[in-house]
Amino acid sequence: MKNGTLVQWDTPYALHHAPADTFVENFIRREALMAQRAQAYLRGEAGQP
């Protein structure tokens, strides 16, 4: 959602490979980075780039 409006409703694959615009692309990228950091933390690799 962007300013209360749904920007793109699609499959996870389409969201990742064909985002509707840069807002969706940046949101997906940010979420993926947070997931990677959480996984690293759970593996005991916190603080590693």
N, C-alpha and C. Protein backbone atom coordinates (compact mmCIF):
# COMPACT_ATOMS: atom_id res chain seq x y z
N MET A 1 0.83 -1.18 0.00
CA MET A 1 0.00 0.00 0.00
C MET A 1 0.88 1.24 0.00
N LYS A 2 0.43 2.20 -0.74
CA LYS A 2 1.12 3.48 -0.84
C LYS A 2 0.07 4.57 -0.70
N ASN A 3 0.18 5.34 0.38
CA ASN A 3 -0.79 6.39 0.66
C ASN A 3 -2.22 5.86 0.69
N GLY A 4 -2.39 4.66 1.27
CA GLY A 4 -3.71 4.07 1.42
C GLY A 4 -4.25 3.40 0.17
N THR A 5 -3.44 3.29 -0.88
CA THR A 5 -3.88 2.67 -2.12
C THR A 5 -3.05 1.43 -2.39
N LEU A 6 -3.73 0.34 -2.75
CA LEU A 6 -3.04 -0.88 -3.10
C LEU A 6 -2.32 -0.67 -4.43
N VAL A 7 -1.01 -0.87 -4.44
CA VAL A 7 -0.19 -0.60 -5.62
C VAL A 7 -0.14 -1.82 -6.55
N GLN A 8 0.04 -3.01 -5.96
CA GLN A 8 0.14 -4.20 -6.79
C GLN A 8 -0.36 -5.40 -6.00
N TRP A 9 -1.25 -6.17 -6.61
CA TRP A 9 -1.75 -7.41 -6.03
C TRP A 9 -1.36 -8.51 -7.00
N ASP A 10 -0.45 -9.39 -6.57
CA ASP A 10 0.09 -10.38 -7.49
C ASP A 10 0.69 -11.54 -6.71
N THR A 11 1.22 -12.49 -7.43
CA THR A 11 1.90 -13.62 -6.80
C THR A 11 3.25 -13.16 -6.27
N PRO A 12 3.82 -13.89 -5.30
CA PRO A 12 5.15 -13.53 -4.82
C PRO A 12 6.18 -13.49 -5.96
N TYR A 13 6.08 -14.44 -6.88
CA TYR A 13 7.02 -14.46 -8.00
C TYR A 13 6.90 -13.17 -8.83
N ALA A 14 5.69 -12.78 -9.16
CA ALA A 14 5.50 -11.57 -9.97
C ALA A 14 5.93 -10.31 -9.22
N LEU A 15 5.65 -10.26 -7.92
CA LEU A 15 6.08 -9.10 -7.14
C LEU A 15 7.60 -8.96 -7.18
N HIS A 16 8.28 -10.08 -7.10
CA HIS A 16 9.75 -10.05 -7.09
C HIS A 16 10.33 -9.79 -8.49
N HIS A 17 9.76 -10.43 -9.50
CA HIS A 17 10.34 -10.37 -10.84
C HIS A 17 9.73 -9.30 -11.75
N ALA A 18 8.55 -8.80 -11.41
CA ALA A 18 7.92 -7.78 -12.26
C ALA A 18 7.14 -6.79 -11.40
N PRO A 19 7.86 -6.04 -10.55
CA PRO A 19 7.15 -5.07 -9.70
C PRO A 19 6.49 -3.99 -10.55
N ALA A 20 5.35 -3.50 -10.07
CA ALA A 20 4.58 -2.50 -10.81
C ALA A 20 5.33 -1.18 -10.96
N ASP A 21 6.10 -0.82 -9.95
CA ASP A 21 6.86 0.44 -10.00
C ASP A 21 8.01 0.38 -9.01
N THR A 22 8.74 1.47 -8.90
CA THR A 22 9.91 1.49 -8.01
C THR A 22 9.52 1.40 -6.54
N PHE A 23 8.33 1.87 -6.19
CA PHE A 23 7.87 1.76 -4.80
C PHE A 23 7.77 0.29 -4.40
N VAL A 24 7.13 -0.51 -5.24
CA VAL A 24 6.98 -1.94 -4.97
C VAL A 24 8.35 -2.61 -4.96
N GLU A 25 9.18 -2.28 -5.93
CA GLU A 25 10.52 -2.86 -6.02
C GLU A 25 11.32 -2.58 -4.75
N ASN A 26 11.32 -1.35 -4.28
CA ASN A 26 12.07 -0.98 -3.07
C ASN A 26 11.50 -1.67 -1.84
N PHE A 27 10.16 -1.79 -1.77
CA PHE A 27 9.53 -2.46 -0.65
C PHE A 27 9.94 -3.92 -0.59
N ILE A 28 9.90 -4.61 -1.72
CA ILE A 28 10.27 -6.02 -1.79
C ILE A 28 11.74 -6.20 -1.44
N ARG A 29 12.59 -5.34 -1.96
CA ARG A 29 14.03 -5.42 -1.67
C ARG A 29 14.29 -5.23 -0.18
N ARG A 30 13.61 -4.25 0.43
CA ARG A 30 13.80 -3.97 1.85
C ARG A 30 13.34 -5.16 2.70
N GLU A 31 12.20 -5.76 2.33
CA GLU A 31 11.69 -6.91 3.07
C GLU A 31 12.64 -8.10 2.95
N ALA A 32 13.21 -8.31 1.78
CA ALA A 32 14.15 -9.42 1.58
C ALA A 32 15.40 -9.21 2.42
N LEU A 33 15.89 -7.98 2.49
CA LEU A 33 17.08 -7.69 3.29
C LEU A 33 16.80 -7.94 4.77
N MET A 34 15.63 -7.54 5.25
CA MET A 34 15.30 -7.77 6.66
C MET A 34 15.21 -9.27 6.94
N ALA A 35 14.66 -10.04 6.02
CA ALA A 35 14.58 -11.49 6.21
C ALA A 35 15.97 -12.11 6.27
N GLN A 36 16.86 -11.65 5.41
CA GLN A 36 18.23 -12.16 5.41
C GLN A 36 18.92 -11.85 6.73
N ARG A 37 18.72 -10.66 7.23
CA ARG A 37 19.33 -10.27 8.51
C ARG A 37 18.78 -11.10 9.65
N ALA A 38 17.47 -11.37 9.64
CA ALA A 38 16.86 -12.18 10.69
C ALA A 38 17.41 -13.60 10.65
N GLN A 39 17.56 -14.15 9.46
CA GLN A 39 18.11 -15.50 9.33
C GLN A 39 19.55 -15.55 9.83
N ALA A 40 20.34 -14.54 9.51
CA ALA A 40 21.72 -14.49 9.97
C ALA A 40 21.77 -14.40 11.50
N TYR A 41 20.88 -13.62 12.07
CA TYR A 41 20.81 -13.50 13.52
C TYR A 41 20.50 -14.85 14.16
N LEU A 42 19.52 -15.56 13.60
CA LEU A 42 19.13 -16.85 14.15
C LEU A 42 20.25 -17.88 14.02
N ARG A 43 21.11 -17.73 13.02
CA ARG A 43 22.25 -18.63 12.84
C ARG A 43 23.43 -18.21 13.71
N GLY A 44 23.30 -17.10 14.43
CA GLY A 44 24.38 -16.62 15.27
C GLY A 44 25.40 -15.78 14.53
N GLU A 45 25.01 -15.26 13.40
CA GLU A 45 25.92 -14.45 12.58
C GLU A 45 25.58 -12.96 12.66
N ALA A 46 24.93 -12.55 13.70
CA ALA A 46 24.54 -11.15 13.84
C ALA A 46 25.77 -10.26 13.82
N GLY A 47 25.66 -9.14 13.16
CA GLY A 47 26.75 -8.20 13.05
C GLY A 47 27.65 -8.45 11.87
N GLN A 48 27.44 -9.53 11.16
CA GLN A 48 28.23 -9.82 9.98
C GLN A 48 27.57 -9.19 8.77
N PRO A 49 28.34 -8.57 7.90
CA PRO A 49 27.74 -7.95 6.69
C PRO A 49 27.19 -8.97 5.74
